[in-house]
Amino acid sequence: MKTTTEQYTNLVLSAKDTLYRLALSITGSDVEAEDIVQDIYEKAWRARDAVLASHYPRAYLCRMARNLAIDRLRMRKVTVEIADREVEDGIKGVVINDIAQYTVKVISALPEKQRVAIQMRDVEGYELEEIAEVLECDQTSVRMNLSRARKSVREQILKAMNYGTE
């Protein structure tokens, strides 16, 4: 039988990269994402019994990451304007690396719930139940946010590549 300490250690080690990427996708800062992960380790350790007893412990940690990242944004009083993040019209000759970078940029400009949903589902591979727990909503809302996010990303990529929009 594993001790609580071993369970906690295994959990945070398995979730470390996911927590970092989630925090990074919200804050846009490597340094802040690393700080958030460290803060989660501390907070999760203090609440380890609740974390380990939850139905989805990794989702519990992801919710902590999301909340801490949002708090950091509020403290910085950063407002993200989608218009500022749009890539100039007329991009031609986009190579795969450029498409990947552009896709990351488009995803980072999505509304927060859509951004977290697409990050957790399509990048991290989380189940809808876990995402719903992190976003504190039902699975229907998660599906709706995923659908809207995917549609927006697809439309912006097609527009940038000038497929049928000229």
N, C-alpha and C. Protein backbone atom coordinates (compact mmCIF):
# COMPACT_ATOMS: atom_id res chain seq x y z
N MET A 1 0.85 -1.19 0.00
CA MET A 1 0.00 0.00 0.00
C MET A 1 0.89 1.24 0.00
N LYS A 2 0.61 2.14 -0.90
CA LYS A 2 1.40 3.37 -0.99
C LYS A 2 1.01 4.33 0.12
N THR A 3 2.00 5.07 0.57
CA THR A 3 1.72 6.10 1.57
C THR A 3 1.16 7.33 0.86
N THR A 4 0.60 8.21 1.65
CA THR A 4 0.07 9.45 1.10
C THR A 4 1.16 10.24 0.40
N THR A 5 2.35 10.25 0.97
CA THR A 5 3.47 10.97 0.38
C THR A 5 3.83 10.39 -0.99
N GLU A 6 3.86 9.07 -1.10
CA GLU A 6 4.17 8.44 -2.39
C GLU A 6 3.08 8.73 -3.42
N GLN A 7 1.82 8.65 -2.98
CA GLN A 7 0.71 8.95 -3.89
C GLN A 7 0.80 10.39 -4.38
N TYR A 8 1.06 11.31 -3.45
CA TYR A 8 1.16 12.73 -3.81
C TYR A 8 2.32 12.92 -4.80
N THR A 9 3.46 12.36 -4.50
CA THR A 9 4.64 12.50 -5.36
C THR A 9 4.36 11.97 -6.76
N ASN A 10 3.78 10.79 -6.85
CA ASN A 10 3.46 10.21 -8.16
C ASN A 10 2.47 11.10 -8.92
N LEU A 11 1.49 11.62 -8.22
CA LEU A 11 0.48 12.48 -8.86
C LEU A 11 1.11 13.74 -9.43
N VAL A 12 1.87 14.47 -8.62
CA VAL A 12 2.42 15.74 -9.09
C VAL A 12 3.48 15.53 -10.18
N LEU A 13 4.21 14.46 -10.09
CA LEU A 13 5.21 14.19 -11.14
C LEU A 13 4.53 13.85 -12.46
N SER A 14 3.42 13.12 -12.40
CA SER A 14 2.73 12.76 -13.63
C SER A 14 1.99 13.95 -14.25
N ALA A 15 1.65 14.94 -13.42
CA ALA A 15 0.87 16.09 -13.90
C ALA A 15 1.73 17.32 -14.17
N LYS A 16 3.00 17.27 -13.84
CA LYS A 16 3.87 18.44 -13.91
C LYS A 16 3.85 19.14 -15.26
N ASP A 17 4.07 18.41 -16.34
CA ASP A 17 4.11 19.01 -17.68
C ASP A 17 2.75 19.59 -18.08
N THR A 18 1.70 18.86 -17.76
CA THR A 18 0.35 19.34 -18.08
C THR A 18 0.06 20.64 -17.34
N LEU A 19 0.41 20.70 -16.07
CA LEU A 19 0.16 21.91 -15.28
C LEU A 19 0.93 23.09 -15.85
N TYR A 20 2.17 22.85 -16.24
CA TYR A 20 2.99 23.91 -16.82
C TYR A 20 2.36 24.42 -18.12
N ARG A 21 2.00 23.49 -19.02
CA ARG A 21 1.44 23.90 -20.31
C ARG A 21 0.10 24.63 -20.13
N LEU A 22 -0.70 24.18 -19.18
CA LEU A 22 -1.98 24.84 -18.93
C LEU A 22 -1.75 26.25 -18.40
N ALA A 23 -0.85 26.40 -17.44
CA ALA A 23 -0.54 27.72 -16.89
C ALA A 23 0.06 28.62 -17.97
N LEU A 24 0.92 28.06 -18.79
CA LEU A 24 1.53 28.83 -19.88
C LEU A 24 0.48 29.29 -20.89
N SER A 25 -0.48 28.42 -21.19
CA SER A 25 -1.51 28.79 -22.17
C SER A 25 -2.40 29.92 -21.65
N ILE A 26 -2.50 30.06 -20.35
CA ILE A 26 -3.34 31.12 -19.78
C ILE A 26 -2.54 32.40 -19.57
N THR A 27 -1.34 32.28 -19.02
CA THR A 27 -0.56 33.48 -18.70
C THR A 27 0.29 33.97 -19.86
N GLY A 28 0.73 33.06 -20.72
CA GLY A 28 1.60 33.43 -21.82
C GLY A 28 3.03 33.70 -21.38
N SER A 29 3.37 33.34 -20.16
CA SER A 29 4.70 33.61 -19.62
C SER A 29 5.32 32.33 -19.05
N ASP A 30 6.53 31.99 -19.56
CA ASP A 30 7.24 30.82 -19.06
C ASP A 30 7.52 30.94 -17.56
N VAL A 31 7.98 32.10 -17.16
CA VAL A 31 8.35 32.32 -15.76
C VAL A 31 7.14 32.17 -14.84
N GLU A 32 6.04 32.81 -15.23
CA GLU A 32 4.84 32.71 -14.40
C GLU A 32 4.30 31.29 -14.37
N ALA A 33 4.37 30.58 -15.48
CA ALA A 33 3.90 29.20 -15.52
C ALA A 33 4.72 28.34 -14.56
N GLU A 34 6.04 28.53 -14.55
CA GLU A 34 6.89 27.79 -13.63
C GLU A 34 6.56 28.13 -12.18
N ASP A 35 6.33 29.41 -11.89
CA ASP A 35 5.96 29.83 -10.54
C ASP A 35 4.63 29.21 -10.11
N ILE A 36 3.70 29.17 -11.04
CA ILE A 36 2.38 28.60 -10.74
C ILE A 36 2.51 27.12 -10.40
N VAL A 37 3.31 26.39 -11.16
CA VAL A 37 3.51 24.97 -10.87
C VAL A 37 4.11 24.80 -9.47
N GLN A 38 5.08 25.62 -9.12
CA GLN A 38 5.66 25.54 -7.78
C GLN A 38 4.62 25.86 -6.70
N ASP A 39 3.79 26.87 -6.95
CA ASP A 39 2.74 27.21 -6.00
C ASP A 39 1.74 26.06 -5.84
N ILE A 40 1.46 25.39 -6.95
CA ILE A 40 0.54 24.25 -6.89
C ILE A 40 1.13 23.14 -6.03
N TYR A 41 2.41 22.88 -6.19
CA TYR A 41 3.04 21.84 -5.37
C TYR A 41 2.83 22.13 -3.89
N GLU A 42 3.05 23.38 -3.51
CA GLU A 42 2.91 23.77 -2.11
C GLU A 42 1.45 23.66 -1.66
N LYS A 43 0.54 24.25 -2.42
CA LYS A 43 -0.88 24.23 -2.04
C LYS A 43 -1.44 22.81 -2.06
N ALA A 44 -1.05 22.04 -3.05
CA ALA A 44 -1.55 20.67 -3.13
C ALA A 44 -1.01 19.81 -1.99
N TRP A 45 0.20 20.09 -1.56
CA TRP A 45 0.75 19.34 -0.44
C TRP A 45 -0.06 19.62 0.83
N ARG A 46 -0.40 20.89 1.04
CA ARG A 46 -1.20 21.24 2.21
C ARG A 46 -2.61 20.63 2.14
N ALA A 47 -3.11 20.46 0.94
CA ALA A 47 -4.47 19.91 0.75
C ALA A 47 -4.41 18.49 0.19
N ARG A 48 -3.31 17.79 0.42
CA ARG A 48 -3.08 16.50 -0.22
C ARG A 48 -4.18 15.48 0.05
N ASP A 49 -4.76 15.47 1.23
CA ASP A 49 -5.82 14.50 1.51
C ASP A 49 -7.03 14.76 0.62
N ALA A 50 -7.41 16.03 0.46
CA ALA A 50 -8.54 16.37 -0.40
C ALA A 50 -8.21 16.10 -1.86
N VAL A 51 -7.00 16.42 -2.26
CA VAL A 51 -6.58 16.19 -3.65
C VAL A 51 -6.63 14.71 -3.98
N LEU A 52 -6.02 13.90 -3.13
CA LEU A 52 -5.94 12.47 -3.39
C LEU A 52 -7.30 11.78 -3.27
N ALA A 53 -8.20 12.34 -2.46
CA ALA A 53 -9.52 11.75 -2.27
C ALA A 53 -10.49 12.14 -3.38
N SER A 54 -10.15 13.14 -4.18
CA SER A 54 -11.07 13.59 -5.22
C SER A 54 -11.20 12.51 -6.29
N HIS A 55 -12.30 12.57 -7.02
CA HIS A 55 -12.58 11.57 -8.06
C HIS A 55 -11.55 11.67 -9.19
N TYR A 56 -11.14 12.90 -9.53
CA TYR A 56 -10.14 13.15 -10.58
C TYR A 56 -9.02 14.02 -10.00
N PRO A 57 -8.03 13.41 -9.36
CA PRO A 57 -6.98 14.22 -8.72
C PRO A 57 -6.19 15.10 -9.69
N ARG A 58 -5.92 14.60 -10.92
CA ARG A 58 -5.20 15.44 -11.89
C ARG A 58 -6.04 16.64 -12.29
N ALA A 59 -7.33 16.45 -12.45
CA ALA A 59 -8.22 17.56 -12.77
C ALA A 59 -8.27 18.55 -11.62
N TYR A 60 -8.19 18.07 -10.41
CA TYR A 60 -8.14 18.93 -9.22
C TYR A 60 -6.92 19.85 -9.32
N LEU A 61 -5.77 19.27 -9.67
CA LEU A 61 -4.55 20.06 -9.82
C LEU A 61 -4.67 21.04 -10.99
N CYS A 62 -5.30 20.61 -12.07
CA CYS A 62 -5.49 21.50 -13.22
C CYS A 62 -6.39 22.67 -12.86
N ARG A 63 -7.41 22.42 -12.06
CA ARG A 63 -8.27 23.52 -11.62
C ARG A 63 -7.46 24.51 -10.78
N MET A 64 -6.58 23.98 -9.94
CA MET A 64 -5.71 24.85 -9.15
C MET A 64 -4.84 25.69 -10.08
N ALA A 65 -4.28 25.07 -11.11
CA ALA A 65 -3.42 25.79 -12.06
C ALA A 65 -4.21 26.88 -12.77
N ARG A 66 -5.39 26.53 -13.22
CA ARG A 66 -6.24 27.50 -13.92
C ARG A 66 -6.55 28.69 -13.01
N ASN A 67 -6.98 28.40 -11.80
CA ASN A 67 -7.34 29.48 -10.87
C ASN A 67 -6.14 30.36 -10.52
N LEU A 68 -4.99 29.75 -10.28
CA LEU A 68 -3.79 30.54 -9.98
C LEU A 68 -3.38 31.39 -11.17
N ALA A 69 -3.46 30.83 -12.36
CA ALA A 69 -3.10 31.59 -13.57
C ALA A 69 -4.04 32.78 -13.76
N ILE A 70 -5.32 32.56 -13.56
CA ILE A 70 -6.29 33.65 -13.68
C ILE A 70 -6.02 34.72 -12.63
N ASP A 71 -5.71 34.29 -11.42
CA ASP A 71 -5.37 35.25 -10.36
C ASP A 71 -4.15 36.09 -10.74
N ARG A 72 -3.16 35.44 -11.33
CA ARG A 72 -1.96 36.17 -11.76
C ARG A 72 -2.31 37.21 -12.82
N LEU A 73 -3.17 36.83 -13.76
CA LEU A 73 -3.57 37.77 -14.79
C LEU A 73 -4.31 38.96 -14.18
N ARG A 74 -5.16 38.67 -13.24
CA ARG A 74 -5.90 39.76 -12.58
C ARG A 74 -4.95 40.68 -11.83
N MET A 75 -3.94 40.10 -11.20
CA MET A 75 -2.98 40.92 -10.47
C MET A 75 -2.20 41.81 -11.43
N ARG A 76 -1.89 41.30 -12.60
CA ARG A 76 -1.16 42.10 -13.60
C ARG A 76 -2.08 43.06 -14.31
N LYS A 77 -3.38 42.85 -14.13
CA LYS A 77 -4.40 43.66 -14.80
C LYS A 77 -4.20 43.65 -16.31
N VAL A 78 -3.96 42.45 -16.80
CA VAL A 78 -3.76 42.28 -18.24
C VAL A 78 -5.11 42.05 -18.89
N THR A 79 -5.35 42.79 -19.92
CA THR A 79 -6.53 42.52 -20.72
C THR A 79 -6.07 42.13 -22.11
N VAL A 80 -6.52 41.02 -22.54
CA VAL A 80 -6.12 40.51 -23.84
C VAL A 80 -7.19 40.89 -24.84
N GLU A 81 -6.80 41.59 -25.85
CA GLU A 81 -7.71 41.97 -26.91
C GLU A 81 -7.43 41.11 -28.12
N ILE A 82 -8.44 40.42 -28.54
CA ILE A 82 -8.27 39.51 -29.66
C ILE A 82 -7.78 40.25 -30.90
N ALA A 83 -8.24 41.47 -31.07
CA ALA A 83 -7.82 42.24 -32.25
C ALA A 83 -6.31 42.43 -32.28
N ASP A 84 -5.69 42.57 -31.10
CA ASP A 84 -4.25 42.77 -31.05
C ASP A 84 -3.49 41.50 -31.39
N ARG A 85 -4.16 40.36 -31.24
CA ARG A 85 -3.48 39.10 -31.46
C ARG A 85 -3.71 38.52 -32.86
N GLU A 86 -4.48 39.19 -33.66
CA GLU A 86 -4.73 38.67 -35.00
C GLU A 86 -3.48 38.86 -35.86
N VAL A 87 -3.26 37.92 -36.69
CA VAL A 87 -2.12 38.00 -37.60
C VAL A 87 -2.57 38.77 -38.83
N GLU A 88 -1.66 39.59 -39.35
CA GLU A 88 -1.99 40.43 -40.49
C GLU A 88 -2.53 39.59 -41.66
N ASP A 89 -3.45 40.20 -42.39
CA ASP A 89 -4.06 39.52 -43.54
C ASP A 89 -3.02 39.29 -44.62
N GLY A 90 -3.29 38.28 -45.40
CA GLY A 90 -2.47 38.04 -46.59
C GLY A 90 -1.24 37.21 -46.37
N ILE A 91 -1.22 36.38 -45.34
CA ILE A 91 -0.06 35.51 -45.14
C ILE A 91 -0.01 34.52 -46.29
N LYS A 92 1.11 34.47 -46.96
CA LYS A 92 1.26 33.55 -48.09
C LYS A 92 2.48 32.67 -47.88
N GLY A 93 2.42 31.48 -48.43
CA GLY A 93 3.56 30.58 -48.35
C GLY A 93 3.87 30.12 -46.94
N VAL A 94 2.84 29.81 -46.19
CA VAL A 94 3.04 29.40 -44.80
C VAL A 94 3.60 27.99 -44.77
N VAL A 95 4.66 27.78 -44.04
CA VAL A 95 5.22 26.44 -43.88
C VAL A 95 4.65 25.82 -42.61
N ILE A 96 4.86 24.54 -42.43
CA ILE A 96 4.27 23.82 -41.31
C ILE A 96 4.61 24.48 -39.97
N ASN A 97 5.84 24.88 -39.77
CA ASN A 97 6.23 25.51 -38.51
C ASN A 97 5.45 26.81 -38.29
N ASP A 98 5.26 27.57 -39.35
CA ASP A 98 4.49 28.80 -39.26
C ASP A 98 3.04 28.51 -38.91
N ILE A 99 2.48 27.45 -39.49
CA ILE A 99 1.10 27.07 -39.19
C ILE A 99 0.99 26.68 -37.72
N ALA A 100 1.95 25.92 -37.23
CA ALA A 100 1.92 25.52 -35.82
C ALA A 100 2.01 26.74 -34.91
N GLN A 101 2.91 27.64 -35.21
CA GLN A 101 3.05 28.86 -34.41
C GLN A 101 1.80 29.71 -34.49
N TYR A 102 1.24 29.81 -35.67
CA TYR A 102 0.01 30.58 -35.85
C TYR A 102 -1.14 29.94 -35.08
N THR A 103 -1.22 28.61 -35.12
CA THR A 103 -2.27 27.90 -34.40
C THR A 103 -2.17 28.18 -32.90
N VAL A 104 -0.96 28.14 -32.37
CA VAL A 104 -0.76 28.46 -30.94
C VAL A 104 -1.23 29.88 -30.65
N LYS A 105 -0.90 30.79 -31.54
CA LYS A 105 -1.30 32.18 -31.37
C LYS A 105 -2.82 32.34 -31.41
N VAL A 106 -3.46 31.65 -32.35
CA VAL A 106 -4.92 31.71 -32.46
C VAL A 106 -5.57 31.12 -31.21
N ILE A 107 -5.06 29.99 -30.75
CA ILE A 107 -5.62 29.36 -29.55
C ILE A 107 -5.44 30.27 -28.34
N SER A 108 -4.31 30.93 -28.23
CA SER A 108 -4.07 31.80 -27.08
C SER A 108 -4.99 33.01 -27.07
N ALA A 109 -5.58 33.34 -28.22
CA ALA A 109 -6.49 34.48 -28.30
C ALA A 109 -7.94 34.09 -28.04
N LEU A 110 -8.21 32.80 -27.89
CA LEU A 110 -9.58 32.36 -27.63
C LEU A 110 -10.03 32.81 -26.25
N PRO A 111 -11.34 32.88 -26.03
CA PRO A 111 -11.85 33.14 -24.68
C PRO A 111 -11.34 32.04 -23.73
N GLU A 112 -11.18 32.37 -22.48
CA GLU A 112 -10.52 31.50 -21.51
C GLU A 112 -11.08 30.08 -21.46
N LYS A 113 -12.38 29.91 -21.37
CA LYS A 113 -12.95 28.56 -21.27
C LYS A 113 -12.71 27.75 -22.54
N GLN A 114 -12.78 28.40 -23.69
CA GLN A 114 -12.50 27.70 -24.94
C GLN A 114 -11.03 27.32 -25.01
N ARG A 115 -10.16 28.23 -24.59
CA ARG A 115 -8.72 27.98 -24.63
C ARG A 115 -8.35 26.81 -23.71
N VAL A 116 -8.88 26.81 -22.50
CA VAL A 116 -8.58 25.73 -21.56
C VAL A 116 -9.16 24.41 -22.07
N ALA A 117 -10.38 24.44 -22.59
CA ALA A 117 -11.02 23.21 -23.08
C ALA A 117 -10.23 22.59 -24.23
N ILE A 118 -9.84 23.40 -25.20
CA ILE A 118 -9.11 22.86 -26.36
C ILE A 118 -7.71 22.40 -25.95
N GLN A 119 -7.07 23.11 -25.04
CA GLN A 119 -5.75 22.71 -24.54
C GLN A 119 -5.84 21.35 -23.82
N MET A 120 -6.82 21.24 -22.93
CA MET A 120 -6.91 20.01 -22.14
C MET A 120 -7.37 18.82 -22.98
N ARG A 121 -8.29 19.03 -23.91
CA ARG A 121 -8.84 17.91 -24.68
C ARG A 121 -7.93 17.53 -25.85
N ASP A 122 -7.61 18.49 -26.70
CA ASP A 122 -6.90 18.18 -27.93
C ASP A 122 -5.39 18.10 -27.77
N VAL A 123 -4.84 18.78 -26.79
CA VAL A 123 -3.39 18.74 -26.59
C VAL A 123 -3.03 17.74 -25.49
N GLU A 124 -3.72 17.82 -24.34
CA GLU A 124 -3.39 16.98 -23.20
C GLU A 124 -4.14 15.64 -23.18
N GLY A 125 -5.26 15.55 -23.89
CA GLY A 125 -6.00 14.29 -23.97
C GLY A 125 -6.90 13.99 -22.78
N TYR A 126 -7.33 15.00 -22.06
CA TYR A 126 -8.21 14.78 -20.91
C TYR A 126 -9.61 14.39 -21.36
N GLU A 127 -10.31 13.67 -20.51
CA GLU A 127 -11.70 13.29 -20.75
C GLU A 127 -12.60 14.49 -20.46
N LEU A 128 -13.78 14.48 -21.05
CA LEU A 128 -14.73 15.58 -20.88
C LEU A 128 -15.10 15.79 -19.41
N GLU A 129 -15.24 14.69 -18.65
CA GLU A 129 -15.59 14.80 -17.23
C GLU A 129 -14.54 15.59 -16.46
N GLU A 130 -13.27 15.31 -16.76
CA GLU A 130 -12.19 15.99 -16.07
C GLU A 130 -12.16 17.48 -16.44
N ILE A 131 -12.36 17.77 -17.72
CA ILE A 131 -12.37 19.16 -18.17
C ILE A 131 -13.53 19.91 -17.52
N ALA A 132 -14.68 19.25 -17.44
CA ALA A 132 -15.85 19.87 -16.81
C ALA A 132 -15.56 20.20 -15.35
N GLU A 133 -14.84 19.33 -14.68
CA GLU A 133 -14.49 19.59 -13.28
C GLU A 133 -13.55 20.79 -13.18
N VAL A 134 -12.57 20.87 -14.06
CA VAL A 134 -11.62 21.98 -14.04
C VAL A 134 -12.33 23.30 -14.34
N LEU A 135 -13.20 23.29 -15.33
CA LEU A 135 -13.88 24.53 -15.74
C LEU A 135 -15.11 24.82 -14.88
N GLU A 136 -15.43 23.88 -13.99
CA GLU A 136 -16.58 24.03 -13.10
C GLU A 136 -17.87 24.26 -13.88
N CYS A 137 -18.11 23.36 -14.85
CA CYS A 137 -19.31 23.42 -15.66
C CYS A 137 -19.71 21.98 -16.01
N ASP A 138 -20.77 21.82 -16.77
CA ASP A 138 -21.19 20.48 -17.16
C ASP A 138 -20.52 20.08 -18.48
N GLN A 139 -20.66 18.79 -18.82
CA GLN A 139 -20.02 18.28 -20.02
C GLN A 139 -20.59 18.90 -21.29
N THR A 140 -21.85 19.26 -21.27
CA THR A 140 -22.44 19.91 -22.43
C THR A 140 -21.75 21.23 -22.72
N SER A 141 -21.46 21.99 -21.67
CA SER A 141 -20.75 23.27 -21.84
C SER A 141 -19.34 23.04 -22.37
N VAL A 142 -18.71 21.98 -21.90
CA VAL A 142 -17.36 21.66 -22.40
C VAL A 142 -17.42 21.35 -23.89
N ARG A 143 -18.39 20.52 -24.30
CA ARG A 143 -18.54 20.19 -25.72
C ARG A 143 -18.79 21.45 -26.55
N MET A 144 -19.64 22.33 -26.04
CA MET A 144 -19.95 23.57 -26.75
C MET A 144 -18.70 24.44 -26.89
N ASN A 145 -17.95 24.58 -25.79
CA ASN A 145 -16.73 25.38 -25.84
C ASN A 145 -15.70 24.76 -26.79
N LEU A 146 -15.58 23.44 -26.79
CA LEU A 146 -14.66 22.78 -27.71
C LEU A 146 -15.08 23.01 -29.16
N SER A 147 -16.36 22.87 -29.43
CA SER A 147 -16.86 23.07 -30.79
C SER A 147 -16.60 24.49 -31.27
N ARG A 148 -16.90 25.46 -30.44
CA ARG A 148 -16.68 26.85 -30.82
C ARG A 148 -15.20 27.16 -30.99
N ALA A 149 -14.37 26.61 -30.11
CA ALA A 149 -12.93 26.85 -30.20
C ALA A 149 -12.38 26.26 -31.49
N ARG A 150 -12.75 25.02 -31.77
CA ARG A 150 -12.25 24.37 -32.99
C ARG A 150 -12.71 25.10 -34.24
N LYS A 151 -13.95 25.54 -34.26
CA LYS A 151 -14.48 26.26 -35.40
C LYS A 151 -13.72 27.57 -35.60
N SER A 152 -13.49 28.29 -34.52
CA SER A 152 -12.77 29.56 -34.59
C SER A 152 -11.34 29.36 -35.09
N VAL A 153 -10.66 28.37 -34.54
CA VAL A 153 -9.29 28.08 -34.97
C VAL A 153 -9.26 27.72 -36.45
N ARG A 154 -10.16 26.84 -36.86
CA ARG A 154 -10.22 26.43 -38.27
C ARG A 154 -10.46 27.63 -39.18
N GLU A 155 -11.44 28.48 -38.83
CA GLU A 155 -11.76 29.64 -39.66
C GLU A 155 -10.58 30.61 -39.77
N GLN A 156 -9.90 30.85 -38.66
CA GLN A 156 -8.79 31.79 -38.69
C GLN A 156 -7.60 31.25 -39.47
N ILE A 157 -7.37 29.96 -39.37
CA ILE A 157 -6.27 29.37 -40.14
C ILE A 157 -6.59 29.43 -41.63
N LEU A 158 -7.81 29.06 -41.99
CA LEU A 158 -8.20 29.13 -43.40
C LEU A 158 -8.12 30.57 -43.93
N LYS A 159 -8.54 31.52 -43.13
CA LYS A 159 -8.47 32.93 -43.52
C LYS A 159 -7.01 33.36 -43.73
N ALA A 160 -6.16 32.96 -42.82
CA ALA A 160 -4.75 33.34 -42.92
C ALA A 160 -4.09 32.73 -44.16
N MET A 161 -4.56 31.56 -44.53
CA MET A 161 -3.99 30.90 -45.69
C MET A 161 -4.71 31.29 -46.98
N ASN A 162 -5.70 32.18 -46.85
CA ASN A 162 -6.44 32.72 -48.00
C ASN A 162 -7.18 31.65 -48.78
N TYR A 163 -7.67 30.64 -48.11
CA TYR A 163 -8.43 29.61 -48.79
C TYR A 163 -9.86 30.08 -48.93
N GLY A 164 -10.21 30.53 -50.11
CA GLY A 164 -11.58 30.90 -50.42
C GLY A 164 -12.06 32.16 -49.75
N THR A 165 -11.16 33.02 -49.29
CA THR A 165 -11.61 34.23 -48.60
C THR A 165 -11.28 35.49 -49.37
N GLU A 166 -10.64 35.37 -50.51
CA GLU A 166 -10.29 36.57 -51.27
C GLU A 166 -11.39 36.94 -52.21
